[in-house]
Structure formats: C-alpha cells, structure tokens
Amino acid sequence: MITPLFFLTVSAFSLPLLENSTYSQTEAHCTLTVKEQRLQDNIVLTLSTNRNNHYDVKIYHLSDLQAPSRGQLTQQAIDNIEQQKKLNYIVDHNLFKRIDDKTVIYTTTIANNVNNVSPQQFTQAFKDHSYRTKLHIEGLNPLTFIASQRQADAFFRCAEQQKTTTLAKR
C-alpha cells in the first residue's frame, strides 16, 4: 500500500510544475511560449526574436476584443506591485485562426514602434521580473504568466547569441 502512494507522490513532485513553458530554437528564431497560470490551455504568451534582433510579443486567446482593433496592455511585476512601475503598451487585436464554427483563436500583439522598442522593453521587463509578469488587457481579466527558469534561461541565451551573431556579421 505504501509503495503506490510513495510512487504517486514522488512522480507528482518530480515533474517541474508540468512545464508551464516551452522553448524552441531554429537557425533563425528563438521562441519562448508561456501558458497563463489559471487558463493554461486557453491563453498563451509567446516571446520571440530573430537574427535581426527583431522582437515579437503575442498573446493568443479565445476572446474577441473587437478584432481587428487597437487597445492597451499594462505589464507589471507579480511581487511588490506597489514598488514596481507599470509599463503600458499599445496592442493590436486580430483574428488568428478559425478552428471551427464555435472555436476562434485571437491574437493580441504588442504594436511595433520605431526601432521595435516596445516588444524589446516588454521582453526585458519579463526577464527583470524573474520570468514572471502580470498583464492587464482591456476586456480581459488580469493574466499571470510564469515561465520555467530553465526554459526562460535557454530563450534569453539564444536571444543573446542571435544578437552576438548579428553583430559579428556586421
């Protein structure tokens, strides 16, 4: 009786929180995908960068926020919210993919501005907040994203390597 219970307990705690995030790399891109804490399979955040040091930040969800439209996103730290400043971004809401008559996936993308500053600022703040962030998007309940340390470290190493490779080629 003790053996199955012991095995179940060890198995449950040995999984790193079921890996809330994934990291992938191709020759030209680095991507970190993070599931939302409560709505794990319905909302995901993706951070990506390429050889040209172009950052892209997208949130995939099932809520129609009057797509296509523009809105605002506020990013803040999860801990010490009173002491951390809130960062505001302009976002674009768009239809991403229609799965069937009932299921539609939408995307909210941090709008690119001159020199791609907003997506880079978001990504750096995510790193500075220990790979954890709370987001407020007009029309959605607050969202919480916490990446696995291992996955996020790999993404930022890849991003730094992409930047170094780009500089070396110049």
N, C-alpha and C. Protein backbone atom coordinates (compact mmCIF):
# COMPACT_ATOMS: atom_id res chain seq x y z
N MET A 1 0.82 -1.20 0.00
CA MET A 1 0.00 0.00 0.00
C MET A 1 0.86 1.26 0.00
N ILE A 2 1.94 1.24 0.76
CA ILE A 2 2.79 2.43 0.85
C ILE A 2 3.53 2.67 -0.47
N THR A 3 3.94 1.63 -1.14
CA THR A 3 4.70 1.79 -2.37
C THR A 3 3.95 2.56 -3.45
N PRO A 4 2.69 2.21 -3.79
CA PRO A 4 2.00 3.01 -4.81
C PRO A 4 1.80 4.47 -4.41
N LEU A 5 1.50 4.72 -3.14
CA LEU A 5 1.31 6.09 -2.67
C LEU A 5 2.63 6.85 -2.75
N PHE A 6 3.73 6.20 -2.34
CA PHE A 6 5.04 6.83 -2.42
C PHE A 6 5.40 7.15 -3.87
N PHE A 7 5.16 6.20 -4.78
CA PHE A 7 5.46 6.40 -6.19
C PHE A 7 4.65 7.56 -6.76
N LEU A 8 3.36 7.60 -6.44
CA LEU A 8 2.50 8.68 -6.92
C LEU A 8 2.98 10.03 -6.40
N THR A 9 3.35 10.11 -5.14
CA THR A 9 3.82 11.36 -4.55
C THR A 9 5.13 11.81 -5.18
N VAL A 10 6.07 10.92 -5.33
CA VAL A 10 7.36 11.26 -5.93
C VAL A 10 7.17 11.69 -7.38
N SER A 11 6.32 10.97 -8.13
CA SER A 11 6.08 11.31 -9.52
C SER A 11 5.46 12.70 -9.66
N ALA A 12 4.51 12.99 -8.81
CA ALA A 12 3.82 14.28 -8.90
C ALA A 12 4.75 15.44 -8.62
N PHE A 13 5.65 15.29 -7.65
CA PHE A 13 6.51 16.40 -7.29
C PHE A 13 7.81 16.44 -8.10
N SER A 14 8.11 15.39 -8.82
CA SER A 14 9.32 15.42 -9.63
C SER A 14 9.09 16.13 -10.96
N LEU A 15 7.85 16.23 -11.40
CA LEU A 15 7.57 17.00 -12.62
C LEU A 15 7.71 18.47 -12.31
N PRO A 16 8.44 19.22 -13.08
CA PRO A 16 8.64 20.65 -12.79
C PRO A 16 7.38 21.46 -13.11
N LEU A 17 6.37 21.30 -12.26
CA LEU A 17 5.11 22.01 -12.41
C LEU A 17 4.51 21.82 -13.80
N LEU A 18 4.69 20.62 -14.33
CA LEU A 18 4.18 20.26 -15.65
C LEU A 18 4.65 21.22 -16.73
N GLU A 19 5.83 21.77 -16.56
CA GLU A 19 6.43 22.68 -17.54
C GLU A 19 5.41 23.66 -18.10
N ASN A 20 5.27 24.74 -17.41
CA ASN A 20 4.33 25.79 -17.78
C ASN A 20 4.77 26.55 -19.03
N SER A 21 5.99 26.28 -19.48
CA SER A 21 6.51 27.00 -20.64
C SER A 21 7.35 26.06 -21.50
N THR A 22 7.53 26.47 -22.76
CA THR A 22 8.38 25.70 -23.67
C THR A 22 9.28 26.68 -24.41
N TYR A 23 10.43 26.18 -24.78
CA TYR A 23 11.40 26.96 -25.52
C TYR A 23 11.71 26.21 -26.81
N SER A 24 11.80 26.94 -27.90
CA SER A 24 12.20 26.32 -29.16
C SER A 24 13.17 27.25 -29.89
N GLN A 25 14.01 26.63 -30.71
CA GLN A 25 15.01 27.40 -31.43
C GLN A 25 15.17 26.80 -32.82
N THR A 26 15.23 27.68 -33.81
CA THR A 26 15.59 27.28 -35.16
C THR A 26 16.87 28.03 -35.49
N GLU A 27 17.34 27.87 -36.69
CA GLU A 27 18.56 28.58 -37.08
C GLU A 27 18.36 30.10 -37.03
N ALA A 28 17.13 30.55 -37.25
CA ALA A 28 16.87 31.99 -37.35
C ALA A 28 16.02 32.57 -36.23
N HIS A 29 15.36 31.74 -35.41
CA HIS A 29 14.45 32.27 -34.38
C HIS A 29 14.64 31.59 -33.03
N CYS A 30 14.34 32.34 -31.98
CA CYS A 30 14.25 31.83 -30.62
C CYS A 30 12.84 32.15 -30.14
N THR A 31 12.14 31.19 -29.53
CA THR A 31 10.78 31.42 -29.09
C THR A 31 10.55 30.81 -27.71
N LEU A 32 9.92 31.58 -26.83
CA LEU A 32 9.51 31.12 -25.51
C LEU A 32 7.99 31.23 -25.47
N THR A 33 7.31 30.14 -25.14
CA THR A 33 5.86 30.11 -25.03
C THR A 33 5.51 29.81 -23.58
N VAL A 34 4.64 30.64 -22.98
CA VAL A 34 4.28 30.50 -21.57
C VAL A 34 2.77 30.42 -21.45
N LYS A 35 2.29 29.39 -20.75
CA LYS A 35 0.86 29.24 -20.52
C LYS A 35 0.43 30.15 -19.37
N GLU A 36 -0.78 30.68 -19.48
CA GLU A 36 -1.35 31.51 -18.41
C GLU A 36 -1.60 30.62 -17.19
N GLN A 37 -1.37 31.14 -16.01
CA GLN A 37 -1.44 30.35 -14.78
C GLN A 37 -2.77 29.62 -14.57
N ARG A 38 -3.88 30.31 -14.73
CA ARG A 38 -5.19 29.71 -14.44
C ARG A 38 -5.83 29.07 -15.66
N LEU A 39 -5.70 29.68 -16.79
CA LEU A 39 -6.36 29.23 -18.01
C LEU A 39 -5.34 28.59 -18.94
N GLN A 40 -4.63 27.61 -18.42
CA GLN A 40 -3.45 27.04 -19.07
C GLN A 40 -3.58 26.74 -20.55
N ASP A 41 -4.68 26.17 -20.96
CA ASP A 41 -4.77 25.78 -22.36
C ASP A 41 -5.50 26.80 -23.22
N ASN A 42 -6.00 27.86 -22.62
CA ASN A 42 -6.79 28.84 -23.38
C ASN A 42 -6.05 30.14 -23.68
N ILE A 43 -4.98 30.43 -22.95
CA ILE A 43 -4.24 31.67 -23.16
C ILE A 43 -2.75 31.39 -23.05
N VAL A 44 -2.00 31.79 -24.08
CA VAL A 44 -0.54 31.63 -24.03
C VAL A 44 0.14 32.92 -24.49
N LEU A 45 1.30 33.15 -23.95
CA LEU A 45 2.15 34.30 -24.28
C LEU A 45 3.35 33.75 -25.05
N THR A 46 3.68 34.38 -26.17
CA THR A 46 4.90 33.99 -26.88
C THR A 46 5.82 35.20 -27.01
N LEU A 47 7.08 34.96 -26.72
CA LEU A 47 8.14 35.95 -26.90
C LEU A 47 9.08 35.34 -27.94
N SER A 48 9.42 36.12 -28.97
CA SER A 48 10.34 35.58 -29.96
C SER A 48 11.28 36.68 -30.45
N THR A 49 12.40 36.22 -31.00
CA THR A 49 13.37 37.13 -31.60
C THR A 49 14.03 36.41 -32.76
N ASN A 50 14.61 37.18 -33.66
CA ASN A 50 15.26 36.58 -34.81
C ASN A 50 16.67 37.13 -34.97
N ARG A 51 17.32 36.75 -36.04
CA ARG A 51 18.70 37.17 -36.31
C ARG A 51 18.86 38.68 -36.41
N ASN A 52 17.82 39.36 -36.83
CA ASN A 52 17.89 40.82 -36.98
C ASN A 52 17.57 41.54 -35.68
N ASN A 53 17.52 40.79 -34.57
CA ASN A 53 17.23 41.36 -33.26
C ASN A 53 15.84 42.00 -33.24
N HIS A 54 14.92 41.42 -34.01
CA HIS A 54 13.53 41.88 -34.05
C HIS A 54 12.72 41.05 -33.06
N TYR A 55 12.17 41.70 -32.04
CA TYR A 55 11.39 41.02 -31.02
C TYR A 55 9.92 41.06 -31.38
N ASP A 56 9.19 40.03 -30.96
CA ASP A 56 7.76 39.93 -31.20
C ASP A 56 7.13 39.36 -29.94
N VAL A 57 6.04 40.00 -29.46
CA VAL A 57 5.33 39.54 -28.27
C VAL A 57 3.86 39.40 -28.63
N LYS A 58 3.33 38.18 -28.45
CA LYS A 58 1.93 37.91 -28.78
C LYS A 58 1.26 37.15 -27.64
N ILE A 59 -0.03 37.41 -27.47
CA ILE A 59 -0.85 36.66 -26.54
C ILE A 59 -1.98 36.04 -27.36
N TYR A 60 -2.07 34.72 -27.33
CA TYR A 60 -3.12 34.00 -28.04
C TYR A 60 -4.23 33.67 -27.05
N HIS A 61 -5.48 33.94 -27.44
CA HIS A 61 -6.62 33.73 -26.53
C HIS A 61 -7.88 33.47 -27.33
N LEU A 62 -8.98 33.22 -26.62
CA LEU A 62 -10.25 32.89 -27.27
C LEU A 62 -11.26 34.04 -27.18
N SER A 63 -10.87 35.21 -26.73
CA SER A 63 -11.79 36.33 -26.54
C SER A 63 -11.72 37.32 -27.71
N ASP A 64 -12.88 37.58 -28.29
CA ASP A 64 -12.95 38.57 -29.37
C ASP A 64 -12.95 39.96 -28.74
N LEU A 65 -11.88 40.67 -28.88
CA LEU A 65 -11.76 42.02 -28.33
C LEU A 65 -11.99 43.04 -29.44
N GLN A 66 -13.08 42.83 -30.17
CA GLN A 66 -13.45 43.68 -31.30
C GLN A 66 -12.38 43.67 -32.38
N ALA A 67 -11.84 42.48 -32.66
CA ALA A 67 -10.78 42.35 -33.65
C ALA A 67 -11.31 42.64 -35.05
N PRO A 68 -10.58 43.32 -35.88
CA PRO A 68 -9.30 43.97 -35.61
C PRO A 68 -9.52 45.32 -34.91
N SER A 69 -8.69 45.58 -33.93
CA SER A 69 -8.77 46.85 -33.20
C SER A 69 -7.46 47.09 -32.46
N ARG A 70 -7.37 48.26 -31.87
CA ARG A 70 -6.22 48.61 -31.03
C ARG A 70 -6.68 48.72 -29.59
N GLY A 71 -5.76 48.46 -28.68
CA GLY A 71 -6.08 48.55 -27.27
C GLY A 71 -4.84 48.87 -26.47
N GLN A 72 -4.94 48.65 -25.18
CA GLN A 72 -3.81 48.92 -24.29
C GLN A 72 -3.56 47.72 -23.41
N LEU A 73 -2.28 47.47 -23.13
CA LEU A 73 -1.84 46.40 -22.24
C LEU A 73 -0.95 47.04 -21.19
N THR A 74 -1.15 46.63 -19.95
CA THR A 74 -0.30 47.10 -18.85
C THR A 74 0.44 45.89 -18.29
N GLN A 75 1.75 46.03 -18.16
CA GLN A 75 2.61 44.96 -17.63
C GLN A 75 3.15 45.41 -16.28
N GLN A 76 3.14 44.48 -15.32
CA GLN A 76 3.73 44.79 -14.02
C GLN A 76 4.27 43.52 -13.38
N ALA A 77 5.09 43.71 -12.37
CA ALA A 77 5.66 42.58 -11.64
C ALA A 77 4.56 41.91 -10.82
N ILE A 78 4.75 40.64 -10.54
CA ILE A 78 3.78 39.93 -9.70
C ILE A 78 3.99 40.28 -8.24
N ASP A 79 5.25 40.37 -7.83
CA ASP A 79 5.59 40.69 -6.44
C ASP A 79 5.87 42.18 -6.31
N ASN A 80 5.65 42.72 -5.14
CA ASN A 80 5.94 44.13 -4.87
C ASN A 80 5.30 45.07 -5.90
N ILE A 81 4.03 44.84 -6.17
CA ILE A 81 3.34 45.62 -7.19
C ILE A 81 3.37 47.11 -6.89
N GLU A 82 3.29 47.47 -5.62
CA GLU A 82 3.30 48.88 -5.26
C GLU A 82 4.63 49.54 -5.57
N GLN A 83 5.72 48.78 -5.47
CA GLN A 83 7.04 49.35 -5.68
C GLN A 83 7.48 49.32 -7.15
N GLN A 84 6.87 48.48 -7.96
CA GLN A 84 7.26 48.35 -9.35
C GLN A 84 6.41 49.28 -10.22
N LYS A 85 7.04 49.89 -11.18
CA LYS A 85 6.26 50.72 -12.09
C LYS A 85 5.53 49.85 -13.10
N LYS A 86 4.41 50.36 -13.55
CA LYS A 86 3.64 49.68 -14.58
C LYS A 86 4.09 50.18 -15.93
N LEU A 87 4.22 49.26 -16.87
CA LEU A 87 4.61 49.60 -18.23
C LEU A 87 3.39 49.46 -19.12
N ASN A 88 3.13 50.47 -19.94
CA ASN A 88 1.97 50.47 -20.83
C ASN A 88 2.40 50.33 -22.27
N TYR A 89 1.63 49.55 -23.02
CA TYR A 89 1.91 49.30 -24.43
C TYR A 89 0.63 49.41 -25.24
N ILE A 90 0.78 49.81 -26.48
CA ILE A 90 -0.31 49.77 -27.44
C ILE A 90 -0.29 48.36 -28.04
N VAL A 91 -1.48 47.74 -28.15
CA VAL A 91 -1.57 46.39 -28.71
C VAL A 91 -2.58 46.37 -29.86
N ASP A 92 -2.36 45.42 -30.75
CA ASP A 92 -3.28 45.18 -31.86
C ASP A 92 -3.98 43.85 -31.62
N HIS A 93 -5.33 43.85 -31.70
CA HIS A 93 -6.13 42.64 -31.56
C HIS A 93 -6.53 42.19 -32.96
N ASN A 94 -6.28 40.93 -33.26
CA ASN A 94 -6.62 40.39 -34.58
C ASN A 94 -7.12 38.96 -34.49
N LEU A 95 -7.83 38.55 -35.51
CA LEU A 95 -8.23 37.16 -35.66
C LEU A 95 -6.98 36.39 -36.07
N PHE A 96 -6.70 35.29 -35.38
CA PHE A 96 -5.54 34.48 -35.74
C PHE A 96 -5.96 33.29 -36.59
N LYS A 97 -6.95 32.52 -36.09
CA LYS A 97 -7.34 31.32 -36.81
C LYS A 97 -8.73 30.87 -36.38
N ARG A 98 -9.54 30.49 -37.36
CA ARG A 98 -10.86 29.92 -37.08
C ARG A 98 -10.72 28.40 -37.14
N ILE A 99 -10.92 27.74 -36.01
CA ILE A 99 -10.78 26.29 -35.92
C ILE A 99 -12.03 25.60 -36.48
N ASP A 100 -13.18 26.05 -36.00
CA ASP A 100 -14.47 25.55 -36.48
C ASP A 100 -15.51 26.64 -36.22
N ASP A 101 -16.80 26.31 -36.37
CA ASP A 101 -17.84 27.32 -36.20
C ASP A 101 -17.89 27.91 -34.79
N LYS A 102 -17.42 27.16 -33.80
CA LYS A 102 -17.51 27.61 -32.41
C LYS A 102 -16.18 28.10 -31.83
N THR A 103 -15.07 27.68 -32.40
CA THR A 103 -13.77 27.99 -31.83
C THR A 103 -12.96 28.91 -32.74
N VAL A 104 -12.62 30.07 -32.19
CA VAL A 104 -11.82 31.05 -32.91
C VAL A 104 -10.68 31.48 -32.00
N ILE A 105 -9.48 31.53 -32.54
CA ILE A 105 -8.32 31.98 -31.77
C ILE A 105 -7.98 33.40 -32.21
N TYR A 106 -7.78 34.26 -31.22
CA TYR A 106 -7.42 35.65 -31.48
C TYR A 106 -6.00 35.88 -30.97
N THR A 107 -5.39 36.93 -31.48
CA THR A 107 -4.06 37.29 -31.02
C THR A 107 -4.04 38.75 -30.63
N THR A 108 -3.33 39.04 -29.56
CA THR A 108 -3.07 40.40 -29.14
C THR A 108 -1.56 40.58 -29.22
N THR A 109 -1.13 41.52 -30.06
CA THR A 109 0.29 41.71 -30.34
C THR A 109 0.73 43.09 -29.87
N ILE A 110 1.85 43.15 -29.18
CA ILE A 110 2.40 44.46 -28.82
C ILE A 110 2.80 45.15 -30.11
N ALA A 111 2.25 46.32 -30.32
CA ALA A 111 2.47 47.05 -31.57
C ALA A 111 3.94 47.43 -31.70
N ASN A 112 4.44 47.23 -32.90
CA ASN A 112 5.82 47.65 -33.19
C ASN A 112 5.84 49.15 -33.37
N ASN A 113 6.80 49.76 -32.74
CA ASN A 113 7.00 51.20 -32.92
C ASN A 113 8.40 51.39 -33.50
N VAL A 114 8.84 52.61 -33.54
CA VAL A 114 10.16 52.90 -34.12
C VAL A 114 11.22 52.06 -33.41
N ASN A 115 12.04 51.37 -34.20
CA ASN A 115 13.15 50.56 -33.70
C ASN A 115 12.72 49.38 -32.82
N ASN A 116 11.45 48.96 -32.90
CA ASN A 116 11.00 47.76 -32.19
C ASN A 116 11.19 47.88 -30.67
N VAL A 117 11.04 49.08 -30.12
CA VAL A 117 11.33 49.32 -28.71
C VAL A 117 10.33 48.63 -27.78
N SER A 118 9.05 48.71 -28.03
CA SER A 118 8.05 48.16 -27.11
C SER A 118 8.20 46.65 -26.89
N PRO A 119 8.30 45.82 -27.94
CA PRO A 119 8.48 44.39 -27.69
C PRO A 119 9.78 44.08 -26.93
N GLN A 120 10.85 44.82 -27.23
CA GLN A 120 12.11 44.62 -26.50
C GLN A 120 11.95 45.02 -25.04
N GLN A 121 11.27 46.13 -24.79
CA GLN A 121 11.06 46.60 -23.42
C GLN A 121 10.23 45.58 -22.65
N PHE A 122 9.17 45.04 -23.25
CA PHE A 122 8.34 44.04 -22.62
C PHE A 122 9.18 42.82 -22.25
N THR A 123 9.98 42.34 -23.21
CA THR A 123 10.81 41.15 -23.00
C THR A 123 11.83 41.38 -21.90
N GLN A 124 12.46 42.54 -21.87
CA GLN A 124 13.43 42.85 -20.83
C GLN A 124 12.76 42.94 -19.46
N ALA A 125 11.57 43.54 -19.39
CA ALA A 125 10.84 43.62 -18.12
C ALA A 125 10.46 42.22 -17.64
N PHE A 126 10.08 41.34 -18.56
CA PHE A 126 9.75 39.96 -18.21
C PHE A 126 10.97 39.29 -17.58
N LYS A 127 12.12 39.50 -18.16
CA LYS A 127 13.37 38.95 -17.61
C LYS A 127 13.68 39.57 -16.25
N ASP A 128 13.58 40.90 -16.16
CA ASP A 128 13.88 41.60 -14.91
C ASP A 128 12.95 41.18 -13.76
N HIS A 129 11.74 40.76 -14.09
CA HIS A 129 10.77 40.32 -13.08
C HIS A 129 10.88 38.82 -12.80
N SER A 130 12.04 38.25 -13.09
CA SER A 130 12.32 36.83 -12.84
C SER A 130 11.41 35.91 -13.64
N TYR A 131 11.17 36.28 -14.89
CA TYR A 131 10.37 35.48 -15.82
C TYR A 131 8.93 35.32 -15.34
N ARG A 132 8.44 36.36 -14.69
CA ARG A 132 7.07 36.38 -14.18
C ARG A 132 6.47 37.75 -14.47
N THR A 133 5.21 37.76 -14.87
CA THR A 133 4.58 39.05 -15.14
C THR A 133 3.08 38.94 -14.99
N LYS A 134 2.48 40.06 -14.66
CA LYS A 134 1.03 40.17 -14.61
C LYS A 134 0.64 41.17 -15.69
N LEU A 135 -0.37 40.80 -16.49
CA LEU A 135 -0.81 41.65 -17.59
C LEU A 135 -2.27 42.03 -17.43
N HIS A 136 -2.57 43.25 -17.78
CA HIS A 136 -3.95 43.74 -17.82
C HIS A 136 -4.20 44.19 -19.26
N ILE A 137 -5.14 43.54 -19.91
CA ILE A 137 -5.55 43.90 -21.27
C ILE A 137 -7.00 44.33 -21.18
N GLU A 138 -7.30 45.48 -21.75
CA GLU A 138 -8.67 45.96 -21.75
C GLU A 138 -9.59 44.87 -22.29
N GLY A 139 -10.62 44.50 -21.54
CA GLY A 139 -11.58 43.50 -21.99
C GLY A 139 -11.33 42.10 -21.46
N LEU A 140 -10.20 41.86 -20.81
CA LEU A 140 -9.88 40.55 -20.24
C LEU A 140 -9.58 40.70 -18.75
N ASN A 141 -9.82 39.63 -17.99
CA ASN A 141 -9.41 39.61 -16.59
C ASN A 141 -7.88 39.63 -16.53
N PRO A 142 -7.29 40.09 -15.42
CA PRO A 142 -5.82 40.10 -15.32
C PRO A 142 -5.25 38.70 -15.59
N LEU A 143 -4.11 38.68 -16.26
CA LEU A 143 -3.44 37.44 -16.65
C LEU A 143 -2.10 37.34 -15.95
N THR A 144 -1.72 36.12 -15.57
CA THR A 144 -0.45 35.89 -14.90
C THR A 144 0.34 34.84 -15.68
N PHE A 145 1.58 35.19 -16.02
CA PHE A 145 2.44 34.27 -16.75
C PHE A 145 3.73 34.07 -15.96
N ILE A 146 4.07 32.81 -15.72
CA ILE A 146 5.30 32.45 -15.01
C ILE A 146 6.00 31.38 -15.83
N ALA A 147 7.17 31.70 -16.34
CA ALA A 147 7.93 30.75 -17.16
C ALA A 147 8.83 29.90 -16.29
N SER A 148 9.11 28.71 -16.75
CA SER A 148 10.08 27.85 -16.11
C SER A 148 11.46 28.51 -16.21
N GLN A 149 12.19 28.49 -15.14
CA GLN A 149 13.53 29.08 -15.11
C GLN A 149 14.41 28.50 -16.22
N ARG A 150 14.37 27.20 -16.36
CA ARG A 150 15.21 26.51 -17.34
C ARG A 150 14.85 26.93 -18.76
N GLN A 151 13.56 26.98 -19.07
CA GLN A 151 13.11 27.34 -20.41
C GLN A 151 13.43 28.81 -20.71
N ALA A 152 13.16 29.69 -19.76
CA ALA A 152 13.40 31.12 -19.97
C ALA A 152 14.90 31.41 -20.10
N ASP A 153 15.72 30.77 -19.28
CA ASP A 153 17.17 30.95 -19.40
C ASP A 153 17.65 30.55 -20.80
N ALA A 154 17.13 29.45 -21.32
CA ALA A 154 17.52 28.99 -22.65
C ALA A 154 17.10 30.01 -23.71
N PHE A 155 15.89 30.56 -23.58
CA PHE A 155 15.43 31.57 -24.53
C PHE A 155 16.34 32.79 -24.53
N PHE A 156 16.67 33.31 -23.34
CA PHE A 156 17.50 34.52 -23.27
C PHE A 156 18.94 34.25 -23.70
N ARG A 157 19.45 33.04 -23.48
CA ARG A 157 20.78 32.70 -24.03
C ARG A 157 20.73 32.70 -25.55
N CYS A 158 19.67 32.13 -26.10
CA CYS A 158 19.50 32.10 -27.56
C CYS A 158 19.39 33.53 -28.11
N ALA A 159 18.59 34.37 -27.45
CA ALA A 159 18.41 35.76 -27.90
C ALA A 159 19.74 36.50 -27.88
N GLU A 160 20.52 36.28 -26.84
CA GLU A 160 21.84 36.92 -26.75
C GLU A 160 22.77 36.40 -27.84
N GLN A 161 22.69 35.11 -28.10
CA GLN A 161 23.51 34.50 -29.14
C GLN A 161 23.11 35.06 -30.51
N GLN A 162 21.81 35.24 -30.75
CA GLN A 162 21.35 35.82 -32.01
C GLN A 162 21.91 37.22 -32.18
N LYS A 163 21.88 38.00 -31.09
CA LYS A 163 22.38 39.37 -31.13
C LYS A 163 23.88 39.38 -31.42
N THR A 164 24.64 38.50 -30.76
CA THR A 164 26.08 38.42 -30.95
C THR A 164 26.42 38.00 -32.36
N THR A 165 25.68 37.03 -32.90
CA THR A 165 25.91 36.56 -34.26
C THR A 165 25.65 37.68 -35.25
N THR A 166 24.59 38.43 -35.05
CA THR A 166 24.25 39.54 -35.93
C THR A 166 25.35 40.60 -35.90
N LEU A 167 25.83 40.96 -34.71
CA LEU A 167 26.88 41.96 -34.59
C LEU A 167 28.18 41.50 -35.24
N ALA A 168 28.48 40.18 -35.10
CA ALA A 168 29.72 39.64 -35.67
C ALA A 168 29.69 39.68 -37.20
N LYS A 169 28.50 39.53 -37.78
CA LYS A 169 28.39 39.53 -39.24
C LYS A 169 28.50 40.94 -39.81
N ARG A 170 28.26 41.96 -39.01
CA ARG A 170 28.35 43.35 -39.49
C ARG A 170 29.74 43.73 -39.62
